[in-house]
Amino acid sequence: MTALFVFQLRRVLRSWQYLFFTVLLPALFTVFFTKIFGGQAASPGSTRSTRRTTWSR
């Protein structure tokens, strides 16, 4: 390992706020949302159509 990598690793592990907010929290949100919303295909009638419609009076 290089000295710079060891220094950066010690700095990150020493600052628990940095580790929590930049590594752990985004990872937890990613896992949470992929478990809830991952793999759920929208049914054809559940969302608005992306086609443009012309409204006539």
N, C-alpha and C. Protein backbone atom coordinates (compact mmCIF):
# COMPACT_ATOMS: atom_id res chain seq x y z
N MET A 1 0.83 -1.19 0.00
CA MET A 1 0.00 0.00 0.00
C MET A 1 0.87 1.25 0.00
N THR A 2 0.40 2.22 -0.69
CA THR A 2 1.17 3.46 -0.69
C THR A 2 0.89 4.25 0.58
N ALA A 3 1.79 5.14 0.88
CA ALA A 3 1.65 5.95 2.09
C ALA A 3 0.43 6.86 2.00
N LEU A 4 0.14 7.38 0.81
CA LEU A 4 -1.01 8.26 0.64
C LEU A 4 -2.32 7.51 0.88
N PHE A 5 -2.42 6.28 0.38
CA PHE A 5 -3.63 5.49 0.58
C PHE A 5 -3.83 5.18 2.06
N VAL A 6 -2.77 4.83 2.76
CA VAL A 6 -2.87 4.55 4.19
C VAL A 6 -3.29 5.80 4.94
N PHE A 7 -2.72 6.95 4.56
CA PHE A 7 -3.09 8.21 5.20
C PHE A 7 -4.56 8.53 4.98
N GLN A 8 -5.06 8.38 3.76
CA GLN A 8 -6.45 8.67 3.45
C GLN A 8 -7.37 7.69 4.18
N LEU A 9 -7.00 6.45 4.25
CA LEU A 9 -7.80 5.45 4.95
C LEU A 9 -7.90 5.77 6.44
N ARG A 10 -6.79 6.15 7.06
CA ARG A 10 -6.83 6.54 8.47
C ARG A 10 -7.68 7.78 8.68
N ARG A 11 -7.59 8.74 7.76
CA ARG A 11 -8.36 9.98 7.90
C ARG A 11 -9.85 9.70 7.81
N VAL A 12 -10.26 8.84 6.89
CA VAL A 12 -11.68 8.52 6.73
C VAL A 12 -12.19 7.74 7.93
N LEU A 13 -11.44 6.78 8.39
CA LEU A 13 -11.89 5.97 9.52
C LEU A 13 -11.89 6.75 10.83
N ARG A 14 -11.07 7.78 10.94
CA ARG A 14 -11.02 8.57 12.16
C ARG A 14 -12.22 9.50 12.25
N SER A 15 -12.69 10.01 11.14
CA SER A 15 -13.81 10.93 11.14
C SER A 15 -15.10 10.14 10.90
N TRP A 16 -15.81 9.81 11.97
CA TRP A 16 -17.01 8.98 11.83
C TRP A 16 -18.14 9.73 11.15
N GLN A 17 -18.20 11.06 11.28
CA GLN A 17 -19.25 11.82 10.60
C GLN A 17 -19.08 11.72 9.09
N TYR A 18 -17.84 11.86 8.63
CA TYR A 18 -17.55 11.75 7.20
C TYR A 18 -17.90 10.36 6.70
N LEU A 19 -17.50 9.36 7.43
CA LEU A 19 -17.77 7.98 7.05
C LEU A 19 -19.27 7.71 7.00
N PHE A 20 -20.00 8.22 7.98
CA PHE A 20 -21.44 7.99 8.04
C PHE A 20 -22.18 8.69 6.90
N PHE A 21 -21.92 9.99 6.71
CA PHE A 21 -22.70 10.77 5.76
C PHE A 21 -22.27 10.58 4.31
N THR A 22 -21.06 10.17 4.04
CA THR A 22 -20.62 10.03 2.65
C THR A 22 -20.55 8.58 2.18
N VAL A 23 -20.49 7.65 3.10
CA VAL A 23 -20.38 6.24 2.70
C VAL A 23 -21.59 5.42 3.16
N LEU A 24 -21.83 5.39 4.45
CA LEU A 24 -22.85 4.49 4.99
C LEU A 24 -24.27 4.94 4.67
N LEU A 25 -24.58 6.21 4.87
CA LEU A 25 -25.95 6.68 4.64
C LEU A 25 -26.38 6.53 3.17
N PRO A 26 -25.57 6.97 2.19
CA PRO A 26 -25.97 6.73 0.80
C PRO A 26 -26.09 5.24 0.45
N ALA A 27 -25.22 4.42 1.03
CA ALA A 27 -25.31 2.98 0.76
C ALA A 27 -26.59 2.41 1.34
N LEU A 28 -26.97 2.84 2.54
CA LEU A 28 -28.21 2.34 3.15
C LEU A 28 -29.43 2.79 2.35
N PHE A 29 -29.45 4.05 1.91
CA PHE A 29 -30.57 4.51 1.09
C PHE A 29 -30.66 3.75 -0.22
N THR A 30 -29.51 3.46 -0.83
CA THR A 30 -29.51 2.72 -2.09
C THR A 30 -30.08 1.32 -1.88
N VAL A 31 -29.65 0.64 -0.86
CA VAL A 31 -30.16 -0.70 -0.59
C VAL A 31 -31.64 -0.65 -0.24
N PHE A 32 -32.03 0.32 0.57
CA PHE A 32 -33.42 0.46 0.99
C PHE A 32 -34.35 0.68 -0.21
N PHE A 33 -34.00 1.64 -1.08
CA PHE A 33 -34.87 1.94 -2.20
C PHE A 33 -34.86 0.86 -3.28
N THR A 34 -33.74 0.18 -3.47
CA THR A 34 -33.74 -0.90 -4.46
C THR A 34 -34.52 -2.11 -3.96
N LYS A 35 -34.55 -2.33 -2.66
CA LYS A 35 -35.35 -3.43 -2.12
C LYS A 35 -36.84 -3.12 -2.23
N ILE A 36 -37.20 -1.85 -2.04
CA ILE A 36 -38.62 -1.49 -2.09
C ILE A 36 -39.10 -1.31 -3.52
N PHE A 37 -38.38 -0.52 -4.32
CA PHE A 37 -38.85 -0.18 -5.66
C PHE A 37 -38.19 -0.99 -6.76
N GLY A 38 -37.21 -1.76 -6.47
CA GLY A 38 -36.50 -2.51 -7.50
C GLY A 38 -37.33 -3.67 -8.04
N GLY A 39 -37.34 -3.79 -9.33
CA GLY A 39 -38.02 -4.91 -9.97
C GLY A 39 -39.52 -4.77 -10.06
N GLN A 40 -40.07 -3.63 -9.71
CA GLN A 40 -41.50 -3.43 -9.82
C GLN A 40 -41.80 -2.71 -11.13
N ALA A 41 -42.34 -3.43 -12.05
CA ALA A 41 -42.71 -2.82 -13.33
C ALA A 41 -44.08 -2.16 -13.17
N ALA A 42 -44.21 -1.02 -13.77
CA ALA A 42 -45.49 -0.30 -13.71
C ALA A 42 -46.50 -0.99 -14.61
N SER A 43 -47.72 -1.12 -14.14
CA SER A 43 -48.76 -1.70 -14.98
C SER A 43 -49.15 -0.67 -16.03
N PRO A 44 -49.68 -1.12 -17.17
CA PRO A 44 -49.96 -0.19 -18.28
C PRO A 44 -50.90 0.95 -17.92
N GLY A 45 -51.84 0.76 -17.05
CA GLY A 45 -52.78 1.82 -16.74
C GLY A 45 -52.44 2.63 -15.52
N SER A 46 -51.30 2.35 -14.89
CA SER A 46 -51.02 3.02 -13.63
C SER A 46 -50.34 4.38 -13.79
N THR A 47 -49.72 4.61 -14.91
CA THR A 47 -49.04 5.89 -15.10
C THR A 47 -49.62 6.61 -16.30
N ARG A 48 -49.34 7.88 -16.39
CA ARG A 48 -49.81 8.64 -17.54
C ARG A 48 -49.08 8.21 -18.79
N SER A 49 -49.75 8.33 -19.89
CA SER A 49 -49.12 7.99 -21.15
C SER A 49 -48.13 9.08 -21.53
N THR A 50 -47.05 8.67 -22.17
CA THR A 50 -46.04 9.65 -22.59
C THR A 50 -46.36 10.23 -23.95
N ARG A 51 -47.42 9.73 -24.60
CA ARG A 51 -47.80 10.27 -25.91
C ARG A 51 -48.42 11.64 -25.75
N ARG A 52 -48.19 12.47 -26.75
CA ARG A 52 -48.88 13.77 -26.76
C ARG A 52 -50.28 13.59 -27.27
N THR A 53 -51.20 14.22 -26.63
CA THR A 53 -52.59 14.15 -27.08
C THR A 53 -53.05 15.54 -27.48
N THR A 54 -53.89 15.57 -28.46
CA THR A 54 -54.45 16.86 -28.88
C THR A 54 -55.87 16.93 -28.34
N TRP A 55 -56.17 18.02 -27.73
CA TRP A 55 -57.48 18.21 -27.15
C TRP A 55 -58.32 19.05 -28.08
N SER A 56 -59.47 18.53 -28.48
CA SER A 56 -60.35 19.30 -29.36
C SER A 56 -61.54 19.78 -28.56
N ARG A 57 -62.06 20.93 -28.95
CA ARG A 57 -63.21 21.49 -28.25
C ARG A 57 -64.48 21.16 -28.96
